[in-house]
């Protein structure tokens, strides 16, 4: 996969990092575990696997992970992280849940 780096604004970069982290790491991890929650160790293992495969630095994904927490798509409780409750039906159906769907489902109305 070839990543083309261009000059982007702060918000565009944050959105791109969130989207990338969600679609390449978080959602595949959730489906793989078949669980609404995961540990930091499980996340790091998946992150490292993706970074090695795509030849990208883990820092790119780390920023996206923090951003997903700030957006409320992911939650931290003690030592566990979990997805927003409105994303659980997608997980149960093993449906594709891209970033646009995740943000739409978790946004307050």
Protein backbone atom coordinates (compact mmCIF):
# COMPACT_ATOMS: atom_id res chain seq x y z
CA UNK A 1 0.00 0.00 0.00
CA UNK A 2 1.45 3.33 -1.03
CA UNK A 3 0.74 6.25 1.26
CA UNK A 4 1.02 9.65 -0.34
CA UNK A 5 1.83 12.38 2.12
CA UNK A 6 0.42 15.77 1.35
CA UNK A 7 0.10 18.98 3.28
CA UNK A 8 -3.13 18.83 5.24
CA UNK A 9 -4.74 20.91 7.87
CA UNK A 10 -4.76 19.83 11.49
CA UNK A 11 -8.36 18.61 11.40
CA UNK A 12 -7.98 16.73 8.11
CA UNK A 13 -4.94 14.88 9.47
CA UNK A 14 -6.73 13.98 12.70
CA UNK A 15 -9.72 12.66 10.77
CA UNK A 16 -7.48 10.66 8.46
CA UNK A 17 -5.63 9.14 11.42
CA UNK A 18 -8.91 8.24 13.14
CA UNK A 19 -10.31 6.72 9.95
CA UNK A 20 -7.15 4.72 9.29
CA UNK A 21 -6.92 3.46 12.89
CA UNK A 22 -10.60 2.52 13.00
CA UNK A 23 -10.73 0.74 9.65
CA UNK A 24 -7.34 -1.01 9.72
CA UNK A 25 -6.84 -1.78 13.42
CA UNK A 26 -9.81 -1.27 15.74
CA UNK A 27 -12.73 -2.73 13.81
CA UNK A 28 -10.77 -5.77 12.57
CA UNK A 29 -9.62 -6.32 16.20
CA UNK A 30 -13.21 -6.16 17.50
CA UNK A 31 -14.39 -8.65 14.86
CA UNK A 32 -11.41 -10.93 15.48
CA UNK A 33 -12.03 -11.00 19.24
CA UNK A 34 -15.82 -11.10 18.79
CA UNK A 35 -16.06 -8.94 21.89
CA UNK A 36 -17.08 -5.36 22.63
CA UNK A 37 -13.98 -4.88 24.79
CA UNK A 38 -10.25 -5.41 24.50
CA UNK A 39 -7.09 -4.86 26.50
CA UNK A 40 -4.19 -2.57 25.67
CA UNK A 41 -2.04 -5.65 25.04
CA UNK A 42 -4.52 -6.97 22.45
CA UNK A 43 -4.63 -3.57 20.78
CA UNK A 44 -0.83 -3.26 20.67
CA UNK A 45 -0.45 -6.73 19.17
CA UNK A 46 -2.92 -5.87 16.38
CA UNK A 47 -1.36 -2.43 15.88
CA UNK A 48 2.13 -3.87 15.55
CA UNK A 49 0.89 -6.49 13.09
CA UNK A 50 -0.70 -3.81 10.87
CA UNK A 51 2.31 -1.48 11.15
CA UNK A 52 4.67 -4.24 10.08
CA UNK A 53 2.39 -5.28 7.21
CA UNK A 54 1.92 -1.73 5.90
CA UNK A 55 5.40 -0.50 6.85
CA UNK A 56 4.19 2.51 8.82
CA UNK A 57 5.26 3.83 12.23
CA UNK A 58 3.09 2.95 15.26
CA UNK A 59 2.90 6.66 16.10
CA UNK A 60 0.51 7.21 13.19
CA UNK A 61 -1.94 4.75 14.68
CA UNK A 62 -1.39 5.93 18.27
CA UNK A 63 -2.70 9.40 17.45
CA UNK A 64 -5.76 7.89 15.81
CA UNK A 65 -6.41 5.69 18.84
CA UNK A 66 -6.38 8.65 21.24
CA UNK A 67 -8.57 10.60 18.85
CA UNK A 68 -11.14 7.74 18.77
CA UNK A 69 -11.27 7.91 22.58
CA UNK A 70 -11.81 11.67 22.48
CA UNK A 71 -14.59 11.29 19.90
CA UNK A 72 -16.41 8.77 22.10
CA UNK A 73 -16.21 5.87 19.64
CA UNK A 74 -14.02 4.04 22.16
CA UNK A 75 -14.29 4.14 25.95
CA UNK A 76 -11.79 3.27 28.67
CA UNK A 77 -12.90 1.67 31.89
CA UNK A 78 -10.18 0.47 34.27
CA UNK A 79 -7.88 -1.73 32.14
CA UNK A 80 -10.41 -2.40 29.38
CA UNK A 81 -11.34 -0.44 26.30
CA UNK A 82 -14.71 -0.91 24.64
CA UNK A 83 -16.69 0.29 21.67
CA UNK A 84 -19.71 2.58 21.88
CA UNK A 85 -22.89 0.63 22.64
CA UNK A 86 -24.50 1.68 19.33
CA UNK A 87 -21.78 -0.24 17.44
CA UNK A 88 -22.52 -3.57 19.17
CA UNK A 89 -25.18 -4.66 16.62
CA UNK A 90 -22.61 -4.25 13.82
CA UNK A 91 -20.19 -6.45 15.75
CA UNK A 92 -22.81 -9.13 16.38
CA UNK A 93 -23.68 -9.23 12.67
CA UNK A 94 -19.96 -9.15 11.76
CA UNK A 95 -20.93 -6.28 9.48
CA UNK A 96 -18.54 -3.83 7.90
CA UNK A 97 -18.48 -0.73 10.06
CA UNK A 98 -16.40 1.92 8.37
CA UNK A 99 -15.39 5.13 10.10
CA UNK A 100 -18.28 7.13 8.59
CA UNK A 101 -20.78 4.64 10.03
CA UNK A 102 -19.05 4.61 13.42
CA UNK A 103 -19.02 8.40 13.71
CA UNK A 104 -22.64 8.68 12.54
CA UNK A 105 -23.81 6.05 15.03
CA UNK A 106 -21.93 7.51 18.00
CA UNK A 107 -22.62 11.20 17.40
CA UNK A 108 -25.11 12.75 19.77
CA UNK A 109 -28.25 13.69 17.98
